[in-house]
């Protein structure tokens, strides 16, 4: 049997070398070590765990279990990741979010269920919940002041170009209207403290407003997310008719470049430093008292190097009042912003996040945003 084992291992090695098989079929992680021998795909360990949720469709085995390999190596030879993709991902809409190994469990599990269990990308009519351009339903929304979750009716309308929610089911007037052109949505399970937690942000009078929502049903939650992406996609196609699809896709929804606690001081640099929660969202560096606050206490526009924005480590001489030792100074055309990090590792991570934005040339519409920040009262 030793010789047979060697032979099988060799066979598996060759299979993994076939185009498409060197990455997980579901999240793209490198060097998958598991296989679904019913679907004919190679997957990473993390996704293999999610396949156990659809055990009636997918049977997974570790590639290390030599005895099972013989049974299916012939089958896998005729199948494999590229063949499975051609079958199960026939009609994935351009706007549909395809999760990577860095994404949260919810997105990855629902992607696997959508492909293999619900077969949403074979039967296009099953995509109605997020392609229709209209969606309504109830979500648990976190109360702005007390942090309690209450059921709220949400309506997303492409025709009206807005997402809105209502306090009561029969309310005539919405509590908030979020214009599609400024809406963003990102899953934040760790920060929100619930596996299906979604953070929705929008601009109100050009200031950022956060709302936090979830739904017990994972499919429902991911359908909302993709419905927002669909409506944003069609809005952006109208607004930027010459832009290519690949240029628009990163703008549908975005994750924060970085979030975490830093200390900051006021514009005079004489006040004490206060610990605040910072979020870097595109070119807006915002700070909040607490991570789940509805409104930012302040926002700083981060332009590009050509426009005299720089970030340096350390604080100017003579500055006092910071408890944390690892300083960062952001220089804008108007003033200096002084920050302090708890660890050197945080300092390096924040500096590279801010630097990544400074390294990007400014786009025409970003000058308007910058001008607004300069004239802010």
Protein backbone atom coordinates (compact mmCIF):
# COMPACT_ATOMS: atom_id res chain seq x y z
CA UNK A 1 0.00 0.00 0.00
CA UNK A 2 2.98 2.30 0.51
CA UNK A 3 3.55 2.33 -3.23
CA UNK A 4 -0.16 2.99 -3.82
CA UNK A 5 -0.04 5.89 -1.32
CA UNK A 6 2.96 7.38 -3.11
CA UNK A 7 1.20 6.98 -6.40
CA UNK A 8 -1.93 8.74 -5.08
CA UNK A 9 0.05 11.59 -3.55
CA UNK A 10 1.79 12.07 -6.89
CA UNK A 11 -1.60 12.12 -8.57
CA UNK A 12 -2.94 14.75 -6.20
CA UNK A 13 0.16 16.90 -6.75
CA UNK A 14 -0.46 16.80 -10.49
CA UNK A 15 -4.14 17.66 -9.99
CA UNK A 16 -3.25 20.68 -7.87
CA UNK A 17 -0.94 21.89 -10.64
CA UNK A 18 -3.82 22.06 -13.10
CA UNK A 19 -4.85 25.67 -13.84
CA UNK A 20 -7.33 26.95 -11.25
CA UNK A 21 -6.68 24.21 -8.68
CA UNK A 22 -3.82 26.00 -6.89
CA UNK A 23 -6.26 28.44 -5.22
CA UNK A 24 -9.32 27.72 -3.07
CA UNK A 25 -12.39 27.49 -5.34
CA UNK A 26 -14.42 29.69 -2.99
CA UNK A 27 -12.18 32.36 -1.43
CA UNK A 28 -9.02 32.26 -3.54
CA UNK A 29 -6.64 31.38 -0.66
CA UNK A 30 -3.40 29.78 -1.91
CA UNK A 31 -2.54 26.07 -1.67
CA UNK A 32 -5.88 24.42 -0.80
CA UNK A 33 -5.48 21.26 1.29
CA UNK A 34 -9.05 19.98 1.15
CA UNK A 35 -11.35 18.80 -1.60
CA UNK A 36 -15.09 18.49 -2.09
CA UNK A 37 -15.25 15.16 -3.90
CA UNK A 38 -18.93 15.61 -4.75
CA UNK A 39 -18.47 19.07 -6.35
CA UNK A 40 -15.02 18.32 -7.69
CA UNK A 41 -13.33 21.38 -6.14
CA UNK A 42 -10.21 22.06 -4.11
CA UNK A 43 -10.79 24.34 -1.11
CA UNK A 44 -8.90 25.78 1.86
CA UNK A 45 -9.40 24.46 5.39
CA UNK A 46 -11.56 27.42 6.38
CA UNK A 47 -13.98 26.97 3.45
CA UNK A 48 -14.01 23.19 3.96
CA UNK A 49 -15.59 23.93 7.36
CA UNK A 50 -18.31 25.99 5.64
CA UNK A 51 -18.96 23.13 3.19
CA UNK A 52 -19.96 21.00 6.20
CA UNK A 53 -23.04 23.26 6.50
CA UNK A 54 -24.20 21.96 3.10
CA UNK A 55 -23.23 18.33 3.76
CA UNK A 56 -26.12 17.04 1.63
CA UNK A 57 -24.46 18.65 -1.43
CA UNK A 58 -20.77 18.73 -0.62
CA UNK A 59 -18.62 16.01 0.95
CA UNK A 60 -15.17 17.26 1.92
CA UNK A 61 -11.99 15.34 2.68
CA UNK A 62 -8.48 16.40 3.57
CA UNK A 63 -5.93 15.77 0.83
CA UNK A 64 -3.80 14.08 3.49
CA UNK A 65 -6.24 11.17 3.78
CA UNK A 66 -4.52 8.99 1.20
CA UNK A 67 -7.01 6.12 1.36
CA UNK A 68 -9.87 8.27 0.08
CA UNK A 69 -7.83 9.71 -2.75
CA UNK A 70 -7.93 6.69 -4.95
CA UNK A 71 -11.73 6.73 -5.09
CA UNK A 72 -12.00 10.23 -6.43
CA UNK A 73 -8.74 11.16 -8.09
CA UNK A 74 -10.16 9.94 -11.41
CA UNK A 75 -13.29 12.05 -10.87
CA UNK A 76 -11.31 15.13 -9.84
CA UNK A 77 -9.16 14.71 -12.90
CA UNK A 78 -12.11 15.31 -15.20
CA UNK A 79 -13.47 18.06 -12.96
CA UNK A 80 -11.57 20.66 -10.86
CA UNK A 81 -12.00 24.31 -9.87
CA UNK A 82 -12.23 25.81 -13.36
CA UNK A 83 -14.91 23.31 -14.44
CA UNK A 84 -16.89 23.89 -11.23
CA UNK A 85 -16.67 27.64 -11.71
CA UNK A 86 -17.94 27.36 -15.28
CA UNK A 87 -20.96 25.50 -13.91
CA UNK A 88 -21.78 27.19 -10.58
CA UNK A 89 -20.65 30.75 -11.38
CA UNK A 90 -22.18 31.02 -14.86
CA UNK A 91 -24.13 34.21 -14.20
CA UNK A 92 -22.65 36.10 -11.26
CA UNK A 93 -23.72 39.76 -11.68
CA UNK A 94 -20.79 42.18 -12.05
CA UNK A 95 -21.77 44.03 -8.85
CA UNK A 96 -22.14 40.86 -6.74
CA UNK A 97 -19.53 40.77 -3.98
CA UNK A 98 -17.18 37.79 -4.36
CA UNK A 99 -15.53 37.33 -0.97
CA UNK A 100 -11.84 36.64 -0.45
CA UNK A 101 -10.16 34.76 2.41
CA UNK A 102 -9.88 38.11 4.25
CA UNK A 103 -13.66 38.55 4.42
CA UNK A 104 -15.95 37.69 7.31
CA UNK A 105 -17.50 34.25 7.80
CA UNK A 106 -20.99 35.47 6.85
CA UNK A 107 -19.99 36.65 3.35
CA UNK A 108 -17.98 33.49 2.68
CA UNK A 109 -20.68 31.12 3.92
CA UNK A 110 -23.45 32.82 1.94
CA UNK A 111 -21.31 32.82 -1.23
CA UNK A 112 -20.86 29.05 -0.86
CA UNK A 113 -24.57 28.53 -0.18
CA UNK A 114 -25.59 30.81 -3.07
CA UNK A 115 -23.38 28.90 -5.51
CA UNK A 116 -23.94 25.27 -4.58
CA UNK A 117 -27.07 25.08 -2.41
CA UNK A 118 -29.36 27.73 -3.94
CA UNK A 119 -27.66 27.67 -7.39
CA UNK A 120 -28.32 31.39 -7.73
CA UNK A 121 -25.85 31.81 -10.56
CA UNK A 122 -27.37 29.05 -12.68
CA UNK A 123 -31.01 30.14 -12.18
CA UNK A 124 -31.05 33.91 -12.71
CA UNK A 125 -34.60 34.34 -11.35
CA UNK A 126 -33.21 33.51 -7.89
CA UNK A 127 -31.23 36.79 -8.00
CA UNK A 128 -34.40 38.90 -7.77
CA UNK A 129 -33.82 39.86 -4.08
CA UNK A 130 -30.77 41.94 -5.03
CA UNK A 131 -31.20 42.71 -8.75
CA UNK A 132 -34.73 44.17 -8.68
CA UNK A 133 -33.65 47.72 -7.80
CA UNK A 134 -36.20 47.79 -4.97
CA UNK A 135 -36.09 46.07 -1.61
CA UNK A 136 -37.95 46.45 1.65
CA UNK A 137 -37.82 44.61 4.93
CA UNK A 138 -37.14 44.81 8.64
CA UNK A 139 -33.68 45.05 10.19
CA UNK A 140 -32.57 45.37 13.79
CA UNK A 141 -31.09 48.86 14.13
CA UNK A 142 -28.92 50.02 17.00
CA UNK A 143 -30.37 52.97 18.91
CA UNK A 144 -28.24 56.07 18.59
CA UNK A 145 -28.31 57.00 22.26
CA UNK A 146 -28.96 53.86 24.26
CA UNK A 147 -27.41 51.15 22.08
CA UNK A 148 -30.60 49.04 22.11
CA UNK A 149 -31.57 47.25 18.91
CA UNK A 150 -35.08 47.91 17.62
CA UNK A 151 -36.85 46.59 14.55
CA UNK A 152 -37.02 49.19 11.77
CA UNK A 153 -38.51 49.08 8.30
CA UNK A 154 -35.96 49.79 5.53
CA UNK A 155 -36.70 50.59 1.89
CA UNK A 156 -34.07 50.71 -0.85
CA UNK A 157 -35.29 52.33 -4.07
CA UNK A 158 -33.22 52.74 -7.20
CA UNK A 159 -35.89 54.94 -8.78
CA UNK A 160 -35.79 57.38 -5.84
CA UNK A 161 -32.00 57.02 -5.53
CA UNK A 162 -32.24 56.44 -1.79
CA UNK A 163 -32.20 54.09 1.16
CA UNK A 164 -34.54 55.09 4.00
CA UNK A 165 -35.88 53.71 7.24
CA UNK A 166 -39.03 54.25 9.25
CA UNK A 167 -39.64 54.23 13.01
CA UNK A 168 -43.05 52.54 12.68
CA UNK A 169 -44.31 50.19 10.03
CA UNK A 170 -47.06 52.64 9.05
CA UNK A 171 -45.05 55.88 9.39
CA UNK A 172 -45.60 58.24 6.46
CA UNK A 173 -42.29 60.04 6.94
CA UNK A 174 -38.95 58.24 7.02
CA UNK A 175 -36.68 58.82 10.02
CA UNK A 176 -33.67 59.11 7.68
CA UNK A 177 -33.11 59.41 3.95
CA UNK A 178 -29.74 58.25 2.68
CA UNK A 179 -28.84 59.30 -0.84
CA UNK A 180 -27.41 56.43 -2.90
CA UNK A 181 -24.52 58.57 -4.13
CA UNK A 182 -23.05 58.74 -0.61
CA UNK A 183 -24.14 55.39 0.89
CA UNK A 184 -21.54 52.82 1.92
CA UNK A 185 -22.03 49.45 3.61
CA UNK A 186 -19.48 47.13 5.18
CA UNK A 187 -19.73 44.10 7.44
CA UNK A 188 -18.24 44.76 10.88
CA UNK A 189 -18.95 41.65 12.99
CA UNK A 190 -16.12 42.23 15.46
CA UNK A 191 -16.76 45.93 16.05
CA UNK A 192 -20.55 45.57 16.23
CA UNK A 193 -20.36 42.35 18.24
CA UNK A 194 -22.83 40.32 16.17
CA UNK A 195 -21.90 37.89 13.36
CA UNK A 196 -24.26 39.58 10.86
CA UNK A 197 -23.51 43.19 11.82
CA UNK A 198 -23.48 45.69 8.94
CA UNK A 199 -22.31 49.30 9.22
CA UNK A 200 -24.07 51.66 6.82
CA UNK A 201 -22.68 55.17 6.40
CA UNK A 202 -23.96 58.15 4.47
CA UNK A 203 -23.28 61.85 4.25
CA UNK A 204 -25.61 64.31 5.91
CA UNK A 205 -24.61 67.94 5.27
CA UNK A 206 -21.28 66.48 4.15
CA UNK A 207 -20.65 64.93 7.58
CA UNK A 208 -20.50 61.18 8.01
CA UNK A 209 -23.37 59.45 9.81
CA UNK A 210 -23.21 55.77 10.90
CA UNK A 211 -26.01 53.30 11.44
CA UNK A 212 -25.54 49.72 12.61
CA UNK A 213 -27.95 46.96 11.61
CA UNK A 214 -28.28 43.19 11.53
CA UNK A 215 -30.73 40.41 10.73
CA UNK A 216 -30.72 36.88 12.19
CA UNK A 217 -30.97 35.38 8.70
CA UNK A 218 -27.58 35.43 6.97
CA UNK A 219 -29.03 35.26 3.44
CA UNK A 220 -31.28 38.26 4.16
CA UNK A 221 -28.28 40.29 5.33
CA UNK A 222 -26.05 39.48 2.35
CA UNK A 223 -29.01 40.13 -0.01
CA UNK A 224 -29.33 43.64 1.47
CA UNK A 225 -25.60 44.18 0.98
CA UNK A 226 -25.68 43.09 -2.67
CA UNK A 227 -28.90 45.03 -3.32
CA UNK A 228 -27.11 48.21 -2.15
CA UNK A 229 -24.16 47.33 -4.41
CA UNK A 230 -26.50 46.76 -7.39
CA UNK A 231 -28.21 50.12 -6.98
CA UNK A 232 -24.87 51.89 -6.48
CA UNK A 233 -23.48 50.17 -9.59
CA UNK A 234 -26.32 51.42 -11.79
CA UNK A 235 -26.14 54.89 -10.23
CA UNK A 236 -22.37 55.12 -10.91
CA UNK A 237 -22.76 53.84 -14.46
CA UNK A 238 -25.13 56.77 -15.08
CA UNK A 239 -22.88 59.27 -13.31
CA UNK A 240 -19.65 58.10 -15.03
CA UNK A 241 -20.77 56.78 -18.41
CA UNK A 242 -17.25 56.42 -19.81
CA UNK A 243 -15.82 54.57 -16.79
CA UNK A 244 -15.13 50.85 -17.26
CA UNK A 245 -16.80 48.22 -15.06
CA UNK A 246 -13.45 47.43 -13.43
CA UNK A 247 -13.06 51.11 -12.47
CA UNK A 248 -16.54 51.24 -10.93
CA UNK A 249 -16.50 47.99 -8.94
CA UNK A 250 -14.13 49.19 -6.16
CA UNK A 251 -16.45 52.19 -5.61
CA UNK A 252 -19.65 50.20 -4.95
CA UNK A 253 -18.85 49.55 -1.31
CA UNK A 254 -15.57 49.87 0.55
CA UNK A 255 -14.01 48.60 3.73
CA UNK A 256 -12.17 50.99 6.02
CA UNK A 257 -8.47 51.36 5.25
CA UNK A 258 -7.84 51.16 9.01
CA UNK A 259 -9.64 51.59 12.33
CA UNK A 260 -8.52 51.72 15.96
CA UNK A 261 -7.76 53.87 18.98
CA UNK A 262 -5.29 56.78 18.96
CA UNK A 263 -4.88 59.84 21.16
CA UNK A 264 -5.38 63.31 19.70
CA UNK A 265 -5.02 66.91 20.83
CA UNK A 266 -6.86 70.03 19.72
CA UNK A 267 -5.80 72.66 17.15
CA UNK A 268 -3.82 74.74 19.69
CA UNK A 269 -1.73 71.68 20.70
CA UNK A 270 -1.90 72.85 24.32
CA UNK A 271 -4.94 70.80 25.42
CA UNK A 272 -4.42 67.33 26.86
CA UNK A 273 -4.51 64.34 24.53
CA UNK A 274 -7.77 62.36 24.50
CA UNK A 275 -8.24 58.75 23.41
CA UNK A 276 -10.57 58.49 20.41
CA UNK A 277 -11.69 55.80 17.96
CA UNK A 278 -10.33 56.60 14.47
CA UNK A 279 -11.63 55.37 11.11
CA UNK A 280 -9.78 55.94 7.85
CA UNK A 281 -12.40 55.89 5.10
CA UNK A 282 -10.93 56.71 1.73
CA UNK A 283 -9.63 60.31 2.22
CA UNK A 284 -11.57 60.99 5.42
CA UNK A 285 -9.83 60.38 8.72
CA UNK A 286 -12.64 60.52 11.28
CA UNK A 287 -12.62 60.26 15.03
CA UNK A 288 -15.36 59.20 17.44
CA UNK A 289 -15.73 59.01 21.22
CA UNK A 290 -16.75 55.33 20.91
CA UNK A 291 -16.51 52.85 18.00
CA UNK A 292 -20.32 52.65 17.58
CA UNK A 293 -21.12 56.36 17.71
CA UNK A 294 -23.58 57.71 15.16
CA UNK A 295 -21.61 60.87 14.37
CA UNK A 296 -17.91 61.62 14.09
CA UNK A 297 -16.57 64.24 16.52
CA UNK A 298 -14.34 65.47 13.73
CA UNK A 299 -13.04 64.62 10.27
CA UNK A 300 -9.72 65.42 8.63
CA UNK A 301 -9.33 65.43 4.85
CA UNK A 302 -6.14 63.67 3.72
CA UNK A 303 -5.02 64.92 0.31
CA UNK A 304 -2.01 63.89 -1.75
CA UNK A 305 1.68 64.68 -1.53
CA UNK A 306 1.46 66.98 -4.58
CA UNK A 307 -1.01 69.06 -2.59
CA UNK A 308 1.30 69.44 0.42
CA UNK A 309 0.02 66.64 2.65
CA UNK A 310 2.64 64.63 4.54
CA UNK A 311 2.79 62.29 7.51
CA UNK A 312 5.83 61.93 9.77
CA UNK A 313 6.53 59.92 12.88
CA UNK A 314 6.93 61.67 16.22
CA UNK A 315 5.47 64.89 17.64
CA UNK A 316 6.89 68.43 17.41
CA UNK A 317 9.33 69.35 20.19
CA UNK A 318 7.83 70.53 23.43
CA UNK A 319 4.44 68.89 22.93
CA UNK A 320 3.16 67.32 26.15
CA UNK A 321 0.07 65.66 27.49
CA UNK A 322 0.13 62.43 25.52
CA UNK A 323 0.02 59.21 27.58
CA UNK A 324 0.94 57.09 24.59
CA UNK A 325 4.50 57.36 23.36
CA UNK A 326 4.37 56.72 19.61
CA UNK A 327 3.53 60.00 17.92
CA UNK A 328 2.32 60.79 14.41
CA UNK A 329 2.16 64.27 12.86
CA UNK A 330 -0.04 64.87 9.83
CA UNK A 331 0.77 68.07 7.96
CA UNK A 332 -1.96 69.58 5.80
CA UNK A 333 -1.78 72.90 3.91
CA UNK A 334 -3.62 74.52 6.83
CA UNK A 335 -2.38 72.97 10.03
CA UNK A 336 -0.75 70.08 11.88
CA UNK A 337 -2.72 67.22 13.40
CA UNK A 338 -1.00 65.50 16.32
CA UNK A 339 -1.79 61.88 17.18
CA UNK A 340 -0.27 59.27 19.48
CA UNK A 341 -0.39 55.46 19.30
CA UNK A 342 -0.13 52.95 22.14
CA UNK A 343 2.46 50.71 20.45
CA UNK A 344 5.11 51.07 17.80
CA UNK A 345 3.29 48.45 15.75
CA UNK A 346 0.13 50.61 15.74
CA UNK A 347 2.19 53.65 14.80
CA UNK A 348 3.77 51.87 11.81
CA UNK A 349 0.39 50.50 10.66
CA UNK A 350 -1.36 53.89 10.91
CA UNK A 351 1.49 55.69 9.17
CA UNK A 352 1.44 53.27 6.25
CA UNK A 353 -2.37 53.54 6.01
CA UNK A 354 -2.21 57.36 5.89
CA UNK A 355 0.78 57.27 3.55
CA UNK A 356 -1.10 54.98 1.12
CA UNK A 357 -3.72 57.73 0.72
CA UNK A 358 -1.14 60.53 0.42
CA UNK A 359 0.62 58.53 -2.34
CA UNK A 360 -2.54 58.54 -4.49
CA UNK A 361 -2.98 61.53 -6.80
CA UNK A 362 -6.18 63.48 -6.10
CA UNK A 363 -9.12 63.01 -8.45
CA UNK A 364 -11.12 66.00 -9.76
CA UNK A 365 -14.13 65.47 -7.46
CA UNK A 366 -11.84 65.18 -4.42
CA UNK A 367 -10.78 68.82 -4.79
CA UNK A 368 -14.39 69.82 -4.11
CA UNK A 369 -14.37 67.73 -0.93
CA UNK A 370 -11.07 69.29 0.13
CA UNK A 371 -12.44 72.80 -0.47
CA UNK A 372 -15.46 71.97 1.68
CA UNK A 373 -13.23 70.84 4.55
CA UNK A 374 -11.21 74.06 4.34
CA UNK A 375 -14.30 76.24 4.67
CA UNK A 376 -15.97 74.18 7.32
CA UNK A 377 -17.12 76.39 10.18
